[in-house]
Every structure is written in C-alpha cells, then in structure tokens.
C-alpha cells in the first residue's frame, strides 16, 4: 500500500487531520474527476445519449461492487444510499399480522425506526437479542429466540455507527441458514473498512453506502440480493421500468437480477464516481486496508485509554470507529481541543444510539474514525494533544 500516492490522491488530507470516514470520507481525485468528466458529457449530449455511450463503464459498477464483497454482478443493485437499499429490501418481504423480526440493541437508528414503523402498520413483533457481558452477541440466546418466535426476518448491523463493535454477523448467518430465515445485514460502516464476504455471512440482503469507508460520493450505495431471494421472485413493493418489463395490460415480468431493486432514474455521474471508488479500494486490496486500519485504530484507542479517557467501544473485535468521553461522561474539553487543532470529527448523541448510550449511561461521545489515508504520525499527534 503506497501511502504517499494515496495521500496525493486525497487533497482533503493535506491541510487538516481528517478522522470522520464513518460519517462521510474524503473522495480520491479519480472519483471526482470521473464524475466531472461525465457531467460535461451530459452538458453536451444530454442524459440519455450520454448514458447510452457509457454502457460499459456503467456496467463496470456491478463488477466492482461484486468483487468487493465476493459476489456476482447479477446480485448487485445500485441505490441512492444504504437506507434506500434497506427500505427496498424490507418492502420485498410480505409481512403480515403477528410476524416477528429479531434484531439487536446495536442496530442503526434508521433501522430501528423502520422496524417500529412496520410494527405499527402490520402489528409485527420486534425482538431485540441481548448481548453477553463482553458485548458480543449471544448466539445461544439467538437460537432460543428463533425457536420461540419463528421470525420472518433477522436483521443485524455489522458495525454500529455509535461504537467500534464488530458484530458476529457470520455466526448469526449460520443460524439463519440452519433455520431458513431471511437475513438482512447493514454493512454501511464495514464495506470499505474491512473484508466483507457475503458467502461467509450467508445473508439474503446486504446494504452499503458510498460516502463512508468506500470513499465514494454522497447519494450512492448498493444492495446485495442473494440468489435465494431472486429465485423466490421477491421484489420491492414499488417497481418501475428498470425492475420489470410491462408484458400485458395487467402484468409484468421481473428482472432476473438484483436490478429489480433499482429505479430507472438515477445520477449516472454519481454511479461512475462510486465505481471509481470501488476500483480504488479493490486495487489496494481490502486485506491491506483492513490490516492498516486496525493498526491505526488500535494505536489511537490505546493512547486515549492511557490518557485517561473513557473508551466506550466494548467487544472482542473492534473497528476503525473509536468512541470516547471523559470519565464523567463530558466531552466539552475534548471537543474544544479537537476543533482548535483543525481535526475533522463527529459527535454522537444519545438520540442516535438510544439503547446503547442508555446502557452506557452517556449522553454524548466523540467519534474518531481513521482510514487508510491517515498516517501513524497523525494518530500520534492527536493522541499527544489529547492528554488530560
């Protein structure tokens, strides 16, 4: 991994220390250049003609996304965000009164809100599995809940946005396969940060966003849809001409691929920007990215702990999301130092992590999320300025 070349491709890291890739990361120059190039083409030719001329580059998106998560292009749908893909996946499931969803305390806020919405509309049960004392998912309890409630869906967030925990999505996937239960994984914070392999997860759906660790543009993401789902003719509630062919006055034929989860109208400039970001990550290699990210995050987390801060990340496997506060739960002093030193960061609030932060008895946390364009020198510098 050529860090000097990566930083030259990342002008946004030249005048600041950027530690918010879990929020919205810095795009490499090739991503922006490709988007601008395409927009100039649209300026001259219009959207439809430009799209027709760029069929091969557009199709490369499906190949690059599939490569990143060890899938096939036919299992990939372009979406406007991870939440867009998540909603489409949920809408493809025929919920009825009395159905059950099993999830975790650490699922993303928008997912919890979606579950509550389904609960109100269809009177389904939403069951949250408990964690073990070390904050890992209790798979034995998961199996107990499965046997008791016979859920229609199990939904797990791979890495919660509010902590560095990496949840055991592969272990849950084995249970879902064993009991033939639909399985939805929110990989919004993991795709682009570490190796993600859908074949090992045994998931039916997986959602990802472009703007975080993939380093693509906002307004992009993708949805993985398994062959199992496609074979069952499952499809989102609302389709358009991209997802189905109108075959009779009152009938249509679904697309055979995951494109049935797409709409015709989209920003192809953004799609091509995401494609470049995927190419960039694939060229470096996710194993290399994961290993380097682990070094950065472990070093930063250790230094902050040595400096007397309260580290909120609990679990046997931790990611490049570091959440912390002072021992009394305050963040004011930390926030002041970070802002004065031109460090880009994020404050996580309790209303975005209601269960997790209630259990941890905190209202706010500082979130730092280094990525592979950061240097160890930057980590040491941030650690030094944050000495209590």
Protein backbone atom coordinates (compact mmCIF):
# COMPACT_ATOMS: atom_id res chain seq x y z
CA UNK A 1 0.00 0.00 0.00
CA UNK A 2 1.62 3.23 -1.21
CA UNK A 3 0.52 5.73 1.43
CA UNK A 4 2.29 8.67 -0.23
CA UNK A 5 0.43 8.06 -3.50
CA UNK A 6 -2.87 7.62 -1.66
CA UNK A 7 -2.39 10.94 0.15
CA UNK A 8 -1.51 12.69 -3.12
CA UNK A 9 -4.82 11.38 -4.45
CA UNK A 10 -6.55 12.80 -1.36
CA UNK A 11 -6.14 16.59 -1.37
CA UNK A 12 -8.53 16.94 1.56
CA UNK A 13 -5.99 15.43 3.96
CA UNK A 14 -3.23 17.94 3.19
CA UNK A 15 -4.34 20.79 5.47
CA UNK A 16 -6.14 19.02 8.30
CA UNK A 17 -6.38 15.75 10.18
CA UNK A 18 -9.48 14.06 8.85
CA UNK A 19 -10.97 11.49 11.23
CA UNK A 20 -14.58 11.22 10.11
CA UNK A 21 -14.66 8.47 7.48
CA UNK A 22 -17.50 6.84 9.42
CA UNK A 23 -19.53 9.96 8.63
CA UNK A 24 -18.54 10.90 5.11
CA UNK A 25 -14.99 10.23 3.96
CA UNK A 26 -12.67 12.06 1.58
CA UNK A 27 -13.05 11.13 -2.09
CA UNK A 28 -9.89 10.34 -4.07
CA UNK A 29 -9.19 12.60 -7.06
CA UNK A 30 -10.05 9.89 -9.65
CA UNK A 31 -13.57 9.71 -8.19
CA UNK A 32 -14.22 13.43 -8.56
CA UNK A 33 -12.54 13.64 -11.96
CA UNK A 34 -14.70 10.85 -13.38
CA UNK A 35 -17.88 12.48 -12.12
CA UNK A 36 -16.96 15.88 -13.55
CA UNK A 37 -15.98 14.31 -16.88
CA UNK A 38 -19.37 12.60 -17.13
CA UNK A 39 -21.27 15.77 -16.20
CA UNK A 40 -19.51 17.66 -19.00
CA UNK A 41 -20.61 14.91 -21.38
CA UNK A 42 -24.18 15.32 -20.18
CA UNK A 43 -23.86 19.07 -20.69
CA UNK A 44 -23.06 18.45 -24.37
CA UNK A 45 -25.21 15.41 -25.17
CA UNK A 46 -27.98 15.23 -22.60
CA UNK A 47 -28.53 12.50 -20.05
CA UNK A 48 -29.92 9.72 -22.24
CA UNK A 49 -27.33 9.85 -25.03
CA UNK A 50 -24.51 10.10 -22.51
CA UNK A 51 -25.80 7.04 -20.67
CA UNK A 52 -26.01 5.07 -23.93
CA UNK A 53 -22.40 5.97 -24.73
CA UNK A 54 -21.24 4.83 -21.30
CA UNK A 55 -22.97 1.47 -21.02
CA UNK A 56 -19.73 -0.44 -20.42
CA UNK A 57 -18.40 1.91 -17.69
CA UNK A 58 -21.81 1.90 -16.03
CA UNK A 59 -21.91 -1.91 -16.08
CA UNK A 60 -18.43 -1.94 -14.50
CA UNK A 61 -20.08 -0.71 -11.31
CA UNK A 62 -21.77 -4.09 -10.79
CA UNK A 63 -18.49 -5.93 -11.38
CA UNK A 64 -16.51 -3.77 -8.94
CA UNK A 65 -19.15 -3.89 -6.20
CA UNK A 66 -19.42 -7.67 -6.57
CA UNK A 67 -15.64 -8.03 -6.37
CA UNK A 68 -15.51 -6.01 -3.15
CA UNK A 69 -17.92 -8.33 -1.28
CA UNK A 70 -17.21 -11.64 -3.10
CA UNK A 71 -20.47 -11.75 -5.01
CA UNK A 72 -21.66 -11.77 -8.62
CA UNK A 73 -22.67 -8.70 -10.66
CA UNK A 74 -26.19 -10.11 -11.01
CA UNK A 75 -26.63 -9.87 -7.22
CA UNK A 76 -25.90 -6.13 -7.06
CA UNK A 77 -28.31 -3.19 -7.28
CA UNK A 78 -27.30 0.47 -7.29
CA UNK A 79 -29.09 2.54 -4.65
CA UNK A 80 -29.12 6.18 -3.61
CA UNK A 81 -27.97 5.25 -0.11
CA UNK A 82 -27.73 2.32 2.26
CA UNK A 83 -31.07 3.34 3.76
CA UNK A 84 -32.64 3.34 0.28
CA UNK A 85 -31.45 -0.24 -0.22
CA UNK A 86 -32.54 -1.23 3.28
CA UNK A 87 -36.07 0.10 2.71
CA UNK A 88 -36.33 -1.71 -0.62
CA UNK A 89 -35.17 -4.96 0.98
CA UNK A 90 -37.72 -4.63 3.79
CA UNK A 91 -40.50 -3.80 1.33
CA UNK A 92 -39.85 -7.03 -0.57
CA UNK A 93 -40.81 -9.10 2.45
CA UNK A 94 -44.51 -9.95 2.75
CA UNK A 95 -45.05 -9.16 6.40
CA UNK A 96 -48.39 -9.98 7.97
CA UNK A 97 -50.03 -9.55 11.35
CA UNK A 98 -48.12 -11.45 14.02
CA UNK A 99 -44.83 -11.84 12.12
CA UNK A 100 -41.59 -11.33 14.03
CA UNK A 101 -38.29 -9.55 13.38
CA UNK A 102 -35.28 -10.33 15.54
CA UNK A 103 -32.61 -7.63 15.70
CA UNK A 104 -30.03 -6.31 18.16
CA UNK A 105 -29.68 -3.38 20.55
CA UNK A 106 -26.94 -2.02 18.32
CA UNK A 107 -28.76 -1.71 15.02
CA UNK A 108 -28.65 1.62 13.23
CA UNK A 109 -31.18 4.30 14.29
CA UNK A 110 -32.93 4.36 10.89
CA UNK A 111 -33.30 0.59 11.00
CA UNK A 112 -34.92 0.70 14.44
CA UNK A 113 -37.31 3.39 13.21
CA UNK A 114 -38.17 1.26 10.17
CA UNK A 115 -38.90 -1.72 12.44
CA UNK A 116 -41.14 0.40 14.66
CA UNK A 117 -42.96 1.65 11.55
CA UNK A 118 -43.54 -1.96 10.45
CA UNK A 119 -44.66 -2.79 13.98
CA UNK A 120 -47.29 -0.04 13.87
CA UNK A 121 -48.51 -0.86 10.38
CA UNK A 122 -48.53 -4.66 10.47
CA UNK A 123 -48.56 -5.34 14.23
CA UNK A 124 -45.43 -7.44 13.92
CA UNK A 125 -43.25 -8.22 16.91
CA UNK A 126 -39.76 -6.71 17.14
CA UNK A 127 -37.48 -8.72 19.43
CA UNK A 128 -34.03 -7.43 20.38
CA UNK A 129 -31.46 -10.06 21.27
CA UNK A 130 -29.34 -9.39 24.34
CA UNK A 131 -25.57 -9.15 24.41
CA UNK A 132 -23.24 -11.17 26.60
CA UNK A 133 -21.21 -9.40 29.32
CA UNK A 134 -18.34 -8.84 26.85
CA UNK A 135 -20.87 -7.14 24.49
CA UNK A 136 -20.74 -9.96 21.95
CA UNK A 137 -23.98 -11.34 20.53
CA UNK A 138 -25.28 -14.31 22.48
CA UNK A 139 -25.78 -16.87 19.70
CA UNK A 140 -27.31 -19.44 22.04
CA UNK A 141 -29.92 -16.88 23.04
CA UNK A 142 -30.41 -16.00 19.37
CA UNK A 143 -31.20 -19.65 18.68
CA UNK A 144 -33.59 -19.71 21.63
CA UNK A 145 -35.42 -16.67 20.21
CA UNK A 146 -35.59 -18.30 16.78
CA UNK A 147 -37.11 -21.48 18.19
CA UNK A 148 -39.58 -19.50 20.29
CA UNK A 149 -40.71 -16.81 17.83
CA UNK A 150 -40.05 -18.32 14.35
CA UNK A 151 -39.06 -14.93 12.91
CA UNK A 152 -39.67 -13.93 9.31
CA UNK A 153 -36.51 -11.80 9.33
CA UNK A 154 -33.31 -11.38 11.31
CA UNK A 155 -31.55 -8.04 10.87
CA UNK A 156 -28.09 -7.18 12.22
CA UNK A 157 -25.85 -4.15 11.76
CA UNK A 158 -22.30 -5.35 11.14
CA UNK A 159 -20.63 -2.30 12.77
CA UNK A 160 -22.87 0.09 14.72
CA UNK A 161 -22.41 3.75 13.84
CA UNK A 162 -22.22 4.63 17.54
CA UNK A 163 -19.39 2.31 18.59
CA UNK A 164 -16.42 0.35 17.32
CA UNK A 165 -18.05 -3.03 17.91
CA UNK A 166 -17.83 -5.57 15.09
CA UNK A 167 -20.83 -7.87 15.48
CA UNK A 168 -20.69 -11.58 14.71
CA UNK A 169 -22.74 -11.46 11.53
CA UNK A 170 -21.28 -14.75 10.29
CA UNK A 171 -22.41 -16.60 13.40
CA UNK A 172 -25.93 -15.19 13.01
CA UNK A 173 -25.86 -16.11 9.33
CA UNK A 174 -25.21 -19.77 10.15
CA UNK A 175 -28.31 -19.81 12.34
CA UNK A 176 -30.38 -18.14 9.63
CA UNK A 177 -29.25 -20.73 7.10
CA UNK A 178 -29.93 -23.58 9.53
CA UNK A 179 -33.48 -22.38 10.26
CA UNK A 180 -34.18 -20.97 6.76
CA UNK A 181 -34.81 -17.40 7.91
CA UNK A 182 -34.37 -14.27 5.80
CA UNK A 183 -31.25 -12.39 6.87
CA UNK A 184 -30.56 -8.67 6.35
CA UNK A 185 -27.13 -7.19 7.15
CA UNK A 186 -26.46 -3.47 7.38
CA UNK A 187 -22.81 -3.21 6.30
CA UNK A 188 -22.83 0.57 5.98
CA UNK A 189 -19.78 1.00 8.24
CA UNK A 190 -17.89 -2.16 7.30
CA UNK A 191 -17.80 -2.24 3.49
CA UNK A 192 -14.65 -0.36 2.51
CA UNK A 193 -13.20 -0.54 6.01
CA UNK A 194 -12.56 -4.27 6.29
CA UNK A 195 -13.01 -7.50 4.35
CA UNK A 196 -16.68 -8.30 3.78
CA UNK A 197 -17.65 -11.64 2.26
CA UNK A 198 -21.34 -12.29 1.68
CA UNK A 199 -20.75 -16.01 1.10
CA UNK A 200 -19.41 -16.35 4.64
CA UNK A 201 -22.24 -14.26 6.07
CA UNK A 202 -24.96 -16.35 4.39
CA UNK A 203 -27.05 -13.19 4.16
CA UNK A 204 -30.03 -12.64 1.88
CA UNK A 205 -29.58 -8.87 1.75
CA UNK A 206 -26.64 -6.60 2.50
CA UNK A 207 -26.66 -2.80 2.30
CA UNK A 208 -23.70 -0.46 1.81
CA UNK A 209 -23.18 3.25 1.31
CA UNK A 210 -20.73 5.03 -0.95
CA UNK A 211 -19.95 8.05 1.20
CA UNK A 212 -18.27 6.37 4.17
CA UNK A 213 -15.32 3.98 4.07
CA UNK A 214 -15.70 3.22 0.35
CA UNK A 215 -14.81 6.90 -0.23
CA UNK A 216 -17.40 7.48 -2.92
CA UNK A 217 -19.83 10.37 -3.41
CA UNK A 218 -22.90 11.08 -1.32
CA UNK A 219 -26.15 9.86 -2.82
CA UNK A 220 -24.73 6.44 -3.69
CA UNK A 221 -24.82 2.95 -2.27
CA UNK A 222 -25.61 -0.60 -3.23
CA UNK A 223 -27.76 -3.53 -2.21
CA UNK A 224 -26.67 -7.17 -2.38
CA UNK A 225 -29.54 -9.59 -3.06
CA UNK A 226 -28.93 -13.34 -2.80
CA UNK A 227 -29.79 -15.90 -5.47
CA UNK A 228 -32.20 -17.39 -2.93
CA UNK A 229 -34.21 -14.14 -2.82
CA UNK A 230 -34.10 -13.68 -6.59
CA UNK A 231 -35.29 -17.24 -7.20
CA UNK A 232 -38.29 -16.66 -4.93
CA UNK A 233 -39.32 -13.71 -7.15
CA UNK A 234 -39.11 -11.35 -4.19
CA UNK A 235 -39.14 -7.71 -5.24
CA UNK A 236 -39.61 -4.27 -3.67
CA UNK A 237 -43.17 -3.05 -3.19
CA UNK A 238 -42.80 -0.40 -5.89
CA UNK A 239 -41.16 -1.22 -9.22
CA UNK A 240 -40.56 0.76 -12.37
CA UNK A 241 -39.41 0.02 -15.92
CA UNK A 242 -35.89 -0.73 -14.72
CA UNK A 243 -37.00 -3.53 -12.40
CA UNK A 244 -39.66 -5.11 -14.55
CA UNK A 245 -40.91 -5.39 -18.14
CA UNK A 246 -44.54 -4.47 -18.81
CA UNK A 247 -45.75 -7.61 -20.62
CA UNK A 248 -49.55 -7.21 -20.64
CA UNK A 249 -52.17 -4.64 -19.70
CA UNK A 250 -52.26 -6.05 -16.16
CA UNK A 251 -48.98 -7.93 -15.86
CA UNK A 252 -45.22 -7.51 -15.77
CA UNK A 253 -42.11 -9.71 -15.79
CA UNK A 254 -39.50 -9.13 -13.09
CA UNK A 255 -35.86 -8.59 -13.97
CA UNK A 256 -33.93 -11.79 -13.34
CA UNK A 257 -31.18 -9.90 -11.49
CA UNK A 258 -30.95 -7.62 -8.48
CA UNK A 259 -31.65 -4.71 -10.82
CA UNK A 260 -35.31 -5.30 -9.97
CA UNK A 261 -34.44 -3.32 -6.82
CA UNK A 262 -33.34 -0.27 -8.86
CA UNK A 263 -35.23 2.64 -10.35
CA UNK A 264 -34.56 3.92 -13.86
CA UNK A 265 -33.87 7.48 -12.73
CA UNK A 266 -30.52 7.98 -11.01
CA UNK A 267 -27.35 10.04 -11.21
CA UNK A 268 -25.01 8.15 -13.52
CA UNK A 269 -22.27 10.64 -12.71
CA UNK A 270 -22.55 9.57 -9.07
CA UNK A 271 -22.71 5.89 -10.04
CA UNK A 272 -19.48 6.26 -12.02
CA UNK A 273 -17.90 8.11 -9.09
CA UNK A 274 -18.81 5.19 -6.85
CA UNK A 275 -17.38 2.81 -9.44
CA UNK A 276 -14.04 4.64 -9.32
CA UNK A 277 -14.05 4.48 -5.51
CA UNK A 278 -14.72 0.73 -5.66
CA UNK A 279 -11.91 0.28 -8.19
CA UNK A 280 -9.61 2.26 -5.92
CA UNK A 281 -10.34 0.06 -2.91
CA UNK A 282 -10.13 -3.15 -4.94
CA UNK A 283 -6.77 -2.11 -6.39
CA UNK A 284 -5.30 -1.53 -2.93
CA UNK A 285 -6.90 -4.71 -1.62
CA UNK A 286 -9.29 -4.97 1.29
CA UNK A 287 -6.91 -7.18 3.28
CA UNK A 288 -4.27 -4.43 3.11
CA UNK A 289 -6.83 -1.76 4.01
CA UNK A 290 -8.20 -3.76 6.95
CA UNK A 291 -4.75 -4.53 8.38
CA UNK A 292 -3.61 -0.92 8.20
CA UNK A 293 -6.88 0.40 9.62
CA UNK A 294 -6.54 -2.00 12.54
CA UNK A 295 -3.09 -0.61 13.36
CA UNK A 296 -4.35 2.97 13.25
CA UNK A 297 -7.43 2.33 15.40
CA UNK A 298 -5.71 0.11 17.95
CA UNK A 299 -2.94 2.68 18.42
CA UNK A 300 -5.39 5.56 18.83
CA UNK A 301 -7.65 3.63 21.20
CA UNK A 302 -4.67 2.57 23.36
CA UNK A 303 -3.32 6.13 23.57
CA UNK A 304 -6.71 7.57 24.52
CA UNK A 305 -7.09 4.93 27.21
CA UNK A 306 -3.61 5.73 28.53
CA UNK A 307 -4.56 9.42 28.53
CA UNK A 308 -7.34 8.71 31.00
CA UNK A 309 -10.37 8.82 28.73
CA UNK A 310 -13.34 6.51 28.98
CA UNK A 311 -13.40 4.30 25.90
CA UNK A 312 -16.97 3.33 25.05
CA UNK A 313 -16.19 0.62 22.49
CA UNK A 314 -16.83 -2.79 24.02
CA UNK A 315 -16.35 -6.14 22.30
CA UNK A 316 -13.76 -8.74 21.34
CA UNK A 317 -13.43 -7.34 17.81
CA UNK A 318 -13.24 -3.58 17.36
CA UNK A 319 -13.19 -1.46 14.23
CA UNK A 320 -11.93 1.91 12.99
CA UNK A 321 -14.67 3.69 14.91
CA UNK A 322 -13.38 4.98 18.25
CA UNK A 323 -15.90 6.49 20.67
CA UNK A 324 -14.85 8.07 23.94
CA UNK A 325 -15.52 10.75 26.52
CA UNK A 326 -14.09 11.94 29.80
CA UNK A 327 -14.55 9.71 32.84
CA UNK A 328 -17.54 11.79 33.96
CA UNK A 329 -19.20 11.45 30.55
CA UNK A 330 -18.43 15.01 29.43
CA UNK A 331 -16.98 15.89 26.03
CA UNK A 332 -16.67 19.71 26.17
CA UNK A 333 -12.92 19.88 26.78
CA UNK A 334 -12.16 17.23 24.18
CA UNK A 335 -14.37 18.94 21.61
CA UNK A 336 -12.68 22.31 22.21
CA UNK A 337 -9.17 20.89 21.73
CA UNK A 338 -10.11 18.99 18.59
CA UNK A 339 -11.81 21.97 16.97
CA UNK A 340 -8.91 24.30 17.77
CA UNK A 341 -6.49 21.90 16.08
CA UNK A 342 -8.39 21.51 12.82
CA UNK A 343 -9.37 17.89 13.29
CA UNK A 344 -12.49 16.71 11.49
CA UNK A 345 -14.56 14.52 13.80
CA UNK A 346 -18.12 13.67 14.83
CA UNK A 347 -20.17 13.95 17.99
CA UNK A 348 -22.55 11.03 18.53
CA UNK A 349 -25.66 11.87 20.53
CA UNK A 350 -27.86 9.64 22.65
CA UNK A 351 -30.89 10.08 20.38
CA UNK A 352 -28.96 8.31 17.61
CA UNK A 353 -27.93 5.39 19.83
CA UNK A 354 -30.74 5.32 22.36
CA UNK A 355 -30.32 1.79 23.70
CA UNK A 356 -26.51 1.65 23.58
CA UNK A 357 -25.91 5.05 25.19
CA UNK A 358 -28.61 4.45 27.81
CA UNK A 359 -26.86 1.22 28.83
CA UNK A 360 -23.50 3.02 28.89
CA UNK A 361 -25.01 5.94 30.82
CA UNK A 362 -23.72 8.64 28.45
CA UNK A 363 -25.49 11.38 26.52
CA UNK A 364 -22.73 12.13 24.01
CA UNK A 365 -19.46 10.73 22.72
CA UNK A 366 -16.64 11.90 20.50
CA UNK A 367 -16.28 9.65 17.46
CA UNK A 368 -12.98 9.44 15.59
CA UNK A 369 -12.75 7.17 12.56
CA UNK A 370 -9.31 6.92 10.90
CA UNK A 371 -8.96 5.36 7.47
CA UNK A 372 -6.15 4.14 5.26
CA UNK A 373 -5.14 7.62 4.02
CA UNK A 374 -4.31 8.64 7.60
CA UNK A 375 -0.77 8.32 8.90
CA UNK A 376 0.53 6.96 12.17
CA UNK A 377 2.10 10.39 12.73
CA UNK A 378 -1.38 11.92 12.66
CA UNK A 379 -2.58 9.40 15.23
CA UNK A 380 0.37 10.23 17.49
CA UNK A 381 -0.26 13.96 17.07
CA UNK A 382 -3.93 13.67 18.01
CA UNK A 383 -3.05 11.48 20.98
CA UNK A 384 -0.46 14.00 22.22
CA UNK A 385 -2.84 16.96 22.08
CA UNK A 386 -5.49 14.99 23.95
CA UNK A 387 -3.55 14.42 27.14
CA UNK A 388 -5.60 15.25 30.22
